[in-house]
Amino acid sequence: MAHFPVNHPARPIYRVLSGLIGLYILVFGVWGTASTLGDPLFEQDGDWVLGLRTNLAFSLVSVVFGAFLLVGASRRGNLGHYMNLTAGIVFLVTSILMMSVMQTSANFLNFSMSTVIVSMIFGLILLGTGLYDKVGPPEHADEARRHRNHPIGAPRP
């Protein structure tokens, strides 16, 4: 079974980091929507916004994901934990899929290589923040700390 640290001391830093990523994606989506408004939804000759190529569909999806990440970063419970894990996996899978179809007509989100790289970096960061921002009662955190600091070969209490 996977072990997720409970009440990690750097949890506020991870929440801020995921919130900054969400804010960047939200700003990118709003700016991209304003830039591509009136264009076809899946146009493949889209505009460049904040260093990333976009079309109207990708901009609208970015608005939704940016808001999703901001909501996750603002929650103190485990909802943000699960949202960051999910978003990290979605970003990684999407970037790999879009990289595999980048030079074809199936590139409906108008990804470029820079968009793929940024999506992979954001996915890895969000996955990492999701691994360390789990919240639990103090007993669970104490048990996790004892488990982590237990000497090898010594009998467990």
N, C-alpha and C. Protein backbone atom coordinates (compact mmCIF):
# COMPACT_ATOMS: atom_id res chain seq x y z
N MET A 1 0.84 -1.18 0.00
CA MET A 1 0.00 0.00 0.00
C MET A 1 0.89 1.25 0.00
N ALA A 2 0.47 2.25 -0.73
CA ALA A 2 1.25 3.49 -0.84
C ALA A 2 1.23 4.24 0.48
N HIS A 3 2.34 4.90 0.76
CA HIS A 3 2.42 5.70 1.98
C HIS A 3 2.49 7.17 1.60
N PHE A 4 1.49 7.93 2.03
CA PHE A 4 1.48 9.36 1.84
C PHE A 4 1.77 10.02 3.18
N PRO A 5 2.76 10.90 3.25
CA PRO A 5 3.02 11.58 4.52
C PRO A 5 1.80 12.37 4.97
N VAL A 6 1.52 12.34 6.26
CA VAL A 6 0.36 13.04 6.81
C VAL A 6 0.85 14.28 7.55
N ASN A 7 0.20 15.41 7.31
CA ASN A 7 0.51 16.69 7.96
C ASN A 7 1.98 17.07 7.78
N HIS A 8 2.46 16.98 6.57
CA HIS A 8 3.85 17.31 6.27
C HIS A 8 4.12 18.77 6.63
N PRO A 9 5.25 19.09 7.24
CA PRO A 9 5.51 20.47 7.66
C PRO A 9 5.58 21.47 6.50
N ALA A 10 5.93 21.02 5.31
CA ALA A 10 6.03 21.93 4.16
C ALA A 10 4.72 22.02 3.37
N ARG A 11 3.63 21.51 3.94
CA ARG A 11 2.35 21.50 3.25
C ARG A 11 1.91 22.89 2.78
N PRO A 12 2.07 23.95 3.59
CA PRO A 12 1.66 25.28 3.09
C PRO A 12 2.45 25.72 1.85
N ILE A 13 3.71 25.34 1.78
CA ILE A 13 4.50 25.70 0.60
C ILE A 13 3.97 24.97 -0.63
N TYR A 14 3.61 23.71 -0.47
CA TYR A 14 3.07 22.94 -1.59
C TYR A 14 1.73 23.50 -2.04
N ARG A 15 0.91 23.92 -1.10
CA ARG A 15 -0.38 24.52 -1.47
C ARG A 15 -0.18 25.82 -2.24
N VAL A 16 0.78 26.63 -1.81
CA VAL A 16 1.07 27.88 -2.53
C VAL A 16 1.58 27.57 -3.93
N LEU A 17 2.45 26.57 -4.04
CA LEU A 17 2.99 26.19 -5.34
C LEU A 17 1.88 25.73 -6.30
N SER A 18 0.99 24.88 -5.83
CA SER A 18 -0.11 24.45 -6.69
C SER A 18 -1.06 25.61 -6.99
N GLY A 19 -1.23 26.53 -6.06
CA GLY A 19 -2.05 27.71 -6.32
C GLY A 19 -1.43 28.61 -7.38
N LEU A 20 -0.10 28.77 -7.36
CA LEU A 20 0.57 29.58 -8.38
C LEU A 20 0.45 28.95 -9.76
N ILE A 21 0.55 27.64 -9.82
CA ILE A 21 0.36 26.95 -11.10
C ILE A 21 -1.07 27.15 -11.58
N GLY A 22 -2.03 27.02 -10.67
CA GLY A 22 -3.42 27.25 -11.04
C GLY A 22 -3.67 28.67 -11.51
N LEU A 23 -3.04 29.63 -10.86
CA LEU A 23 -3.19 31.03 -11.26
C LEU A 23 -2.59 31.27 -12.64
N TYR A 24 -1.41 30.71 -12.91
CA TYR A 24 -0.80 30.84 -14.24
C TYR A 24 -1.72 30.25 -15.30
N ILE A 25 -2.25 29.06 -15.04
CA ILE A 25 -3.11 28.40 -16.03
C ILE A 25 -4.40 29.19 -16.23
N LEU A 26 -4.95 29.74 -15.16
CA LEU A 26 -6.16 30.55 -15.28
C LEU A 26 -5.89 31.82 -16.10
N VAL A 27 -4.79 32.52 -15.80
CA VAL A 27 -4.45 33.72 -16.57
C VAL A 27 -4.20 33.37 -18.03
N PHE A 28 -3.48 32.28 -18.27
CA PHE A 28 -3.24 31.81 -19.64
C PHE A 28 -4.56 31.54 -20.35
N GLY A 29 -5.48 30.87 -19.67
CA GLY A 29 -6.76 30.54 -20.28
C GLY A 29 -7.61 31.77 -20.58
N VAL A 30 -7.65 32.71 -19.65
CA VAL A 30 -8.45 33.92 -19.87
C VAL A 30 -7.84 34.74 -21.00
N TRP A 31 -6.53 34.91 -20.98
CA TRP A 31 -5.84 35.67 -22.02
C TRP A 31 -5.99 34.97 -23.38
N GLY A 32 -5.84 33.66 -23.37
CA GLY A 32 -6.00 32.89 -24.61
C GLY A 32 -7.41 32.94 -25.15
N THR A 33 -8.40 32.91 -24.26
CA THR A 33 -9.79 33.02 -24.70
C THR A 33 -10.04 34.39 -25.32
N ALA A 34 -9.50 35.43 -24.71
CA ALA A 34 -9.66 36.78 -25.26
C ALA A 34 -8.96 36.90 -26.61
N SER A 35 -7.81 36.26 -26.76
CA SER A 35 -7.05 36.34 -28.02
C SER A 35 -7.69 35.55 -29.15
N THR A 36 -8.30 34.42 -28.83
CA THR A 36 -8.82 33.53 -29.87
C THR A 36 -10.33 33.59 -30.01
N LEU A 37 -10.98 34.49 -29.31
CA LEU A 37 -12.43 34.61 -29.40
C LEU A 37 -12.83 34.95 -30.83
N GLY A 38 -13.75 34.22 -31.37
CA GLY A 38 -14.17 34.41 -32.75
C GLY A 38 -13.52 33.43 -33.70
N ASP A 39 -12.42 32.80 -33.31
CA ASP A 39 -11.76 31.80 -34.15
C ASP A 39 -12.52 30.48 -34.01
N PRO A 40 -12.31 29.55 -34.95
CA PRO A 40 -12.88 28.21 -34.78
C PRO A 40 -12.36 27.56 -33.50
N LEU A 41 -13.18 26.71 -32.91
CA LEU A 41 -12.87 26.11 -31.61
C LEU A 41 -11.56 25.32 -31.64
N PHE A 42 -11.34 24.53 -32.67
CA PHE A 42 -10.17 23.65 -32.74
C PHE A 42 -9.20 24.09 -33.83
N GLU A 43 -9.03 25.36 -34.02
CA GLU A 43 -8.11 25.87 -35.04
C GLU A 43 -6.68 25.45 -34.72
N GLN A 44 -5.95 25.04 -35.75
CA GLN A 44 -4.58 24.58 -35.52
C GLN A 44 -3.53 25.63 -35.87
N ASP A 45 -3.94 26.82 -36.22
CA ASP A 45 -3.02 27.92 -36.45
C ASP A 45 -3.24 28.99 -35.40
N GLY A 46 -3.41 28.56 -34.16
CA GLY A 46 -3.79 29.45 -33.08
C GLY A 46 -2.73 30.46 -32.69
N ASP A 47 -3.08 31.28 -31.76
CA ASP A 47 -2.21 32.34 -31.26
C ASP A 47 -1.26 31.80 -30.21
N TRP A 48 -0.25 32.62 -29.89
CA TRP A 48 0.69 32.33 -28.82
C TRP A 48 0.36 33.24 -27.65
N VAL A 49 0.21 32.66 -26.47
CA VAL A 49 -0.11 33.42 -25.26
C VAL A 49 0.82 32.94 -24.15
N LEU A 50 1.53 33.86 -23.52
CA LEU A 50 2.46 33.55 -22.43
C LEU A 50 3.46 32.47 -22.83
N GLY A 51 3.89 32.48 -24.07
CA GLY A 51 4.90 31.55 -24.54
C GLY A 51 4.37 30.20 -24.96
N LEU A 52 3.05 30.00 -24.94
CA LEU A 52 2.46 28.72 -25.31
C LEU A 52 1.46 28.92 -26.44
N ARG A 53 1.41 27.97 -27.35
CA ARG A 53 0.46 28.04 -28.46
C ARG A 53 -0.89 27.56 -27.97
N THR A 54 -1.94 28.21 -28.44
CA THR A 54 -3.27 27.87 -27.96
C THR A 54 -4.31 28.08 -29.05
N ASN A 55 -5.46 27.48 -28.85
CA ASN A 55 -6.65 27.77 -29.63
C ASN A 55 -7.79 27.97 -28.65
N LEU A 56 -8.97 28.24 -29.14
CA LEU A 56 -10.09 28.56 -28.24
C LEU A 56 -10.43 27.38 -27.32
N ALA A 57 -10.39 26.16 -27.84
CA ALA A 57 -10.72 24.99 -27.02
C ALA A 57 -9.72 24.83 -25.87
N PHE A 58 -8.42 24.93 -26.18
CA PHE A 58 -7.39 24.78 -25.15
C PHE A 58 -7.48 25.91 -24.13
N SER A 59 -7.81 27.11 -24.58
CA SER A 59 -7.96 28.24 -23.65
C SER A 59 -9.12 28.02 -22.69
N LEU A 60 -10.24 27.53 -23.20
CA LEU A 60 -11.40 27.28 -22.33
C LEU A 60 -11.12 26.16 -21.33
N VAL A 61 -10.44 25.12 -21.79
CA VAL A 61 -10.06 24.03 -20.88
C VAL A 61 -9.10 24.54 -19.81
N SER A 62 -8.21 25.45 -20.20
CA SER A 62 -7.25 26.02 -19.24
C SER A 62 -7.95 26.86 -18.18
N VAL A 63 -9.00 27.58 -18.55
CA VAL A 63 -9.77 28.35 -17.57
C VAL A 63 -10.37 27.41 -16.53
N VAL A 64 -10.95 26.32 -17.00
CA VAL A 64 -11.57 25.35 -16.09
C VAL A 64 -10.52 24.72 -15.17
N PHE A 65 -9.39 24.28 -15.74
CA PHE A 65 -8.35 23.64 -14.93
C PHE A 65 -7.69 24.61 -13.97
N GLY A 66 -7.49 25.85 -14.41
CA GLY A 66 -6.92 26.85 -13.51
C GLY A 66 -7.80 27.11 -12.32
N ALA A 67 -9.11 27.24 -12.56
CA ALA A 67 -10.06 27.43 -11.45
C ALA A 67 -10.08 26.19 -10.55
N PHE A 68 -10.03 25.01 -11.16
CA PHE A 68 -10.00 23.75 -10.42
C PHE A 68 -8.80 23.70 -9.47
N LEU A 69 -7.62 24.08 -9.97
CA LEU A 69 -6.42 24.05 -9.15
C LEU A 69 -6.45 25.10 -8.05
N LEU A 70 -7.01 26.27 -8.33
CA LEU A 70 -7.13 27.30 -7.29
C LEU A 70 -8.07 26.85 -6.18
N VAL A 71 -9.15 26.19 -6.54
CA VAL A 71 -10.07 25.65 -5.52
C VAL A 71 -9.34 24.60 -4.68
N GLY A 72 -8.59 23.72 -5.34
CA GLY A 72 -7.84 22.69 -4.61
C GLY A 72 -6.80 23.27 -3.68
N ALA A 73 -6.14 24.34 -4.11
CA ALA A 73 -5.11 24.96 -3.27
C ALA A 73 -5.71 25.70 -2.09
N SER A 74 -6.96 26.12 -2.21
CA SER A 74 -7.59 26.88 -1.12
C SER A 74 -8.23 25.98 -0.07
N ARG A 75 -8.33 24.70 -0.31
CA ARG A 75 -8.97 23.78 0.63
C ARG A 75 -7.96 23.26 1.63
N ARG A 76 -8.35 23.19 2.88
CA ARG A 76 -7.45 22.73 3.94
C ARG A 76 -7.52 21.22 4.16
N GLY A 77 -8.55 20.59 3.70
CA GLY A 77 -8.69 19.15 3.92
C GLY A 77 -8.00 18.35 2.84
N ASN A 78 -8.41 17.10 2.72
CA ASN A 78 -7.79 16.20 1.75
C ASN A 78 -8.32 16.37 0.34
N LEU A 79 -9.30 17.24 0.15
CA LEU A 79 -9.81 17.49 -1.18
C LEU A 79 -8.70 18.01 -2.09
N GLY A 80 -7.91 18.96 -1.61
CA GLY A 80 -6.79 19.48 -2.38
C GLY A 80 -5.76 18.41 -2.70
N HIS A 81 -5.55 17.50 -1.76
CA HIS A 81 -4.62 16.38 -1.96
C HIS A 81 -5.05 15.56 -3.17
N TYR A 82 -6.32 15.17 -3.20
CA TYR A 82 -6.82 14.36 -4.30
C TYR A 82 -6.90 15.15 -5.60
N MET A 83 -7.23 16.43 -5.51
CA MET A 83 -7.29 17.26 -6.71
C MET A 83 -5.92 17.43 -7.33
N ASN A 84 -4.89 17.62 -6.53
CA ASN A 84 -3.53 17.77 -7.06
C ASN A 84 -3.02 16.47 -7.67
N LEU A 85 -3.29 15.35 -7.01
CA LEU A 85 -2.89 14.06 -7.58
C LEU A 85 -3.56 13.84 -8.93
N THR A 86 -4.86 14.10 -8.98
CA THR A 86 -5.62 13.91 -10.22
C THR A 86 -5.13 14.84 -11.32
N ALA A 87 -4.96 16.12 -10.98
CA ALA A 87 -4.51 17.10 -11.97
C ALA A 87 -3.11 16.77 -12.47
N GLY A 88 -2.23 16.32 -11.59
CA GLY A 88 -0.88 15.95 -12.02
C GLY A 88 -0.90 14.82 -13.03
N ILE A 89 -1.70 13.81 -12.77
CA ILE A 89 -1.80 12.68 -13.69
C ILE A 89 -2.43 13.13 -15.01
N VAL A 90 -3.46 13.95 -14.95
CA VAL A 90 -4.11 14.44 -16.17
C VAL A 90 -3.13 15.26 -17.01
N PHE A 91 -2.36 16.13 -16.37
CA PHE A 91 -1.39 16.93 -17.11
C PHE A 91 -0.33 16.06 -17.77
N LEU A 92 0.18 15.06 -17.05
CA LEU A 92 1.21 14.19 -17.61
C LEU A 92 0.68 13.36 -18.78
N VAL A 93 -0.49 12.77 -18.60
CA VAL A 93 -1.07 11.95 -19.66
C VAL A 93 -1.42 12.80 -20.88
N THR A 94 -2.02 13.97 -20.65
CA THR A 94 -2.38 14.84 -21.76
C THR A 94 -1.14 15.29 -22.53
N SER A 95 -0.09 15.64 -21.82
CA SER A 95 1.11 16.11 -22.52
C SER A 95 1.73 14.99 -23.36
N ILE A 96 1.73 13.78 -22.86
CA ILE A 96 2.29 12.66 -23.64
C ILE A 96 1.41 12.36 -24.85
N LEU A 97 0.09 12.36 -24.66
CA LEU A 97 -0.80 12.10 -25.79
C LEU A 97 -0.70 13.19 -26.85
N MET A 98 -0.65 14.45 -26.42
CA MET A 98 -0.58 15.53 -27.40
C MET A 98 0.79 15.57 -28.08
N MET A 99 1.84 15.14 -27.40
CA MET A 99 3.14 15.07 -28.04
C MET A 99 3.14 14.00 -29.12
N SER A 100 2.41 12.92 -28.89
CA SER A 100 2.39 11.83 -29.87
C SER A 100 1.61 12.19 -31.13
N VAL A 101 0.73 13.19 -31.06
CA VAL A 101 -0.05 13.59 -32.24
C VAL A 101 0.27 15.02 -32.68
N MET A 102 1.37 15.57 -32.21
CA MET A 102 1.66 16.98 -32.43
C MET A 102 1.76 17.34 -33.91
N GLN A 103 2.35 16.53 -34.74
CA GLN A 103 2.55 16.84 -36.15
C GLN A 103 1.44 16.30 -37.05
N THR A 104 0.31 15.95 -36.45
CA THR A 104 -0.80 15.40 -37.23
C THR A 104 -2.02 16.31 -37.11
N SER A 105 -3.06 15.95 -37.83
CA SER A 105 -4.31 16.72 -37.74
C SER A 105 -5.07 16.40 -36.46
N ALA A 106 -4.63 15.41 -35.70
CA ALA A 106 -5.27 15.05 -34.44
C ALA A 106 -4.85 15.97 -33.29
N ASN A 107 -4.00 16.94 -33.55
CA ASN A 107 -3.56 17.90 -32.53
C ASN A 107 -4.65 18.97 -32.34
N PHE A 108 -5.77 18.54 -31.81
CA PHE A 108 -6.94 19.42 -31.72
C PHE A 108 -6.78 20.50 -30.65
N LEU A 109 -5.85 20.36 -29.70
CA LEU A 109 -5.60 21.40 -28.69
C LEU A 109 -4.46 22.33 -29.10
N ASN A 110 -3.92 22.12 -30.30
CA ASN A 110 -2.90 22.99 -30.88
C ASN A 110 -1.65 23.07 -30.01
N PHE A 111 -1.19 21.93 -29.50
CA PHE A 111 0.01 21.88 -28.68
C PHE A 111 1.25 22.10 -29.52
N SER A 112 2.22 22.76 -28.95
CA SER A 112 3.56 22.85 -29.50
C SER A 112 4.48 22.13 -28.51
N MET A 113 5.75 22.02 -28.86
CA MET A 113 6.68 21.33 -27.95
C MET A 113 6.82 22.10 -26.64
N SER A 114 6.78 23.43 -26.70
CA SER A 114 6.87 24.21 -25.46
C SER A 114 5.65 23.95 -24.57
N THR A 115 4.49 23.78 -25.16
CA THR A 115 3.29 23.47 -24.38
C THR A 115 3.41 22.09 -23.73
N VAL A 116 3.97 21.14 -24.46
CA VAL A 116 4.18 19.80 -23.91
C VAL A 116 5.12 19.85 -22.72
N ILE A 117 6.23 20.57 -22.86
CA ILE A 117 7.21 20.64 -21.78
C ILE A 117 6.62 21.31 -20.55
N VAL A 118 5.91 22.41 -20.73
CA VAL A 118 5.30 23.10 -19.60
C VAL A 118 4.25 22.21 -18.95
N SER A 119 3.46 21.50 -19.74
CA SER A 119 2.45 20.59 -19.17
C SER A 119 3.10 19.46 -18.37
N MET A 120 4.22 18.94 -18.86
CA MET A 120 4.91 17.88 -18.11
C MET A 120 5.49 18.42 -16.81
N ILE A 121 6.08 19.60 -16.85
CA ILE A 121 6.63 20.19 -15.62
C ILE A 121 5.51 20.45 -14.62
N PHE A 122 4.40 21.04 -15.08
CA PHE A 122 3.28 21.30 -14.18
C PHE A 122 2.72 19.99 -13.64
N GLY A 123 2.64 18.96 -14.48
CA GLY A 123 2.13 17.67 -14.02
C GLY A 123 3.00 17.06 -12.94
N LEU A 124 4.32 17.14 -13.12
CA LEU A 124 5.23 16.59 -12.11
C LEU A 124 5.16 17.38 -10.81
N ILE A 125 5.09 18.70 -10.90
CA ILE A 125 4.99 19.51 -9.69
C ILE A 125 3.68 19.23 -8.97
N LEU A 126 2.58 19.17 -9.71
CA LEU A 126 1.29 18.91 -9.07
C LEU A 126 1.23 17.51 -8.48
N LEU A 127 1.83 16.55 -9.15
CA LEU A 127 1.88 15.20 -8.58
C LEU A 127 2.69 15.19 -7.29
N GLY A 128 3.81 15.91 -7.28
CA GLY A 128 4.62 16.01 -6.07
C GLY A 128 3.91 16.71 -4.94
N THR A 129 3.21 17.80 -5.26
CA THR A 129 2.47 18.50 -4.20
C THR A 129 1.33 17.64 -3.69
N GLY A 130 0.73 16.86 -4.58
CA GLY A 130 -0.35 15.98 -4.14
C GLY A 130 0.14 14.87 -3.23
N LEU A 131 1.39 14.46 -3.40
CA LEU A 131 1.92 13.40 -2.55
C LEU A 131 2.20 13.86 -1.12
N TYR A 132 2.42 15.16 -0.93
CA TYR A 132 2.85 15.65 0.38
C TYR A 132 1.84 16.54 1.08
N ASP A 133 0.64 16.69 0.56
CA ASP A 133 -0.29 17.61 1.23
C ASP A 133 -1.49 16.90 1.85
N LYS A 134 -1.31 15.65 2.22
CA LYS A 134 -2.39 14.93 2.88
C LYS A 134 -2.53 15.39 4.33
N VAL A 135 -3.78 15.53 4.78
CA VAL A 135 -4.08 15.99 6.13
C VAL A 135 -4.70 14.82 6.90
N GLY A 136 -4.39 14.75 8.17
CA GLY A 136 -4.95 13.72 9.02
C GLY A 136 -4.89 14.13 10.47
N PRO A 137 -5.52 13.34 11.33
CA PRO A 137 -5.45 13.65 12.76
C PRO A 137 -4.02 13.51 13.27
N PRO A 138 -3.71 14.16 14.37
CA PRO A 138 -2.34 14.11 14.91
C PRO A 138 -1.85 12.68 15.18
N GLU A 139 -2.77 11.76 15.53
CA GLU A 139 -2.35 10.38 15.79
C GLU A 139 -1.77 9.74 14.54
N HIS A 140 -2.40 10.00 13.39
CA HIS A 140 -1.88 9.43 12.15
C HIS A 140 -0.52 10.02 11.79
N ALA A 141 -0.37 11.31 12.02
CA ALA A 141 0.92 11.96 11.75
C ALA A 141 2.00 11.41 12.68
N ASP A 142 1.67 11.19 13.95
CA ASP A 142 2.64 10.63 14.89
C ASP A 142 3.03 9.21 14.50
N GLU A 143 2.04 8.42 14.09
CA GLU A 143 2.33 7.05 13.67
C GLU A 143 3.21 7.06 12.42
N ALA A 144 2.95 7.93 11.48
CA ALA A 144 3.77 8.02 10.28
C ALA A 144 5.19 8.46 10.64
N ARG A 145 5.33 9.37 11.57
CA ARG A 145 6.66 9.83 12.00
C ARG A 145 7.42 8.70 12.68
N ARG A 146 6.74 7.93 13.55
CA ARG A 146 7.39 6.80 14.20
C ARG A 146 7.81 5.75 13.17
N HIS A 147 6.96 5.52 12.21
CA HIS A 147 7.27 4.55 11.16
C HIS A 147 8.48 5.00 10.35
N ARG A 148 8.55 6.27 10.06
CA ARG A 148 9.64 6.83 9.26
C ARG A 148 10.96 6.84 10.02
N ASN A 149 10.93 7.10 11.32
CA ASN A 149 12.14 7.23 12.12
C ASN A 149 12.51 5.95 12.87
N HIS A 150 11.83 4.87 12.58
CA HIS A 150 12.07 3.61 13.27
C HIS A 150 13.38 3.01 12.79
N PRO A 151 14.30 2.66 13.71
CA PRO A 151 15.58 2.06 13.29
C PRO A 151 15.35 0.69 12.64
N ILE A 152 16.17 0.41 11.67
CA ILE A 152 16.06 -0.87 10.96
C ILE A 152 16.49 -2.00 11.90
N GLY A 153 15.72 -3.06 11.93
CA GLY A 153 16.05 -4.22 12.73
C GLY A 153 15.54 -4.15 14.17
N ALA A 154 15.15 -2.98 14.62
CA ALA A 154 14.63 -2.87 16.00
C ALA A 154 13.17 -3.34 16.00
N PRO A 155 12.74 -3.98 17.10
CA PRO A 155 11.35 -4.43 17.14
C PRO A 155 10.41 -3.22 17.20
N ARG A 156 9.28 -3.39 16.54
CA ARG A 156 8.27 -2.32 16.52
C ARG A 156 7.41 -2.42 17.77
N PRO A 157 7.02 -1.26 18.29
CA PRO A 157 6.16 -1.29 19.49
C PRO A 157 4.78 -1.79 19.18
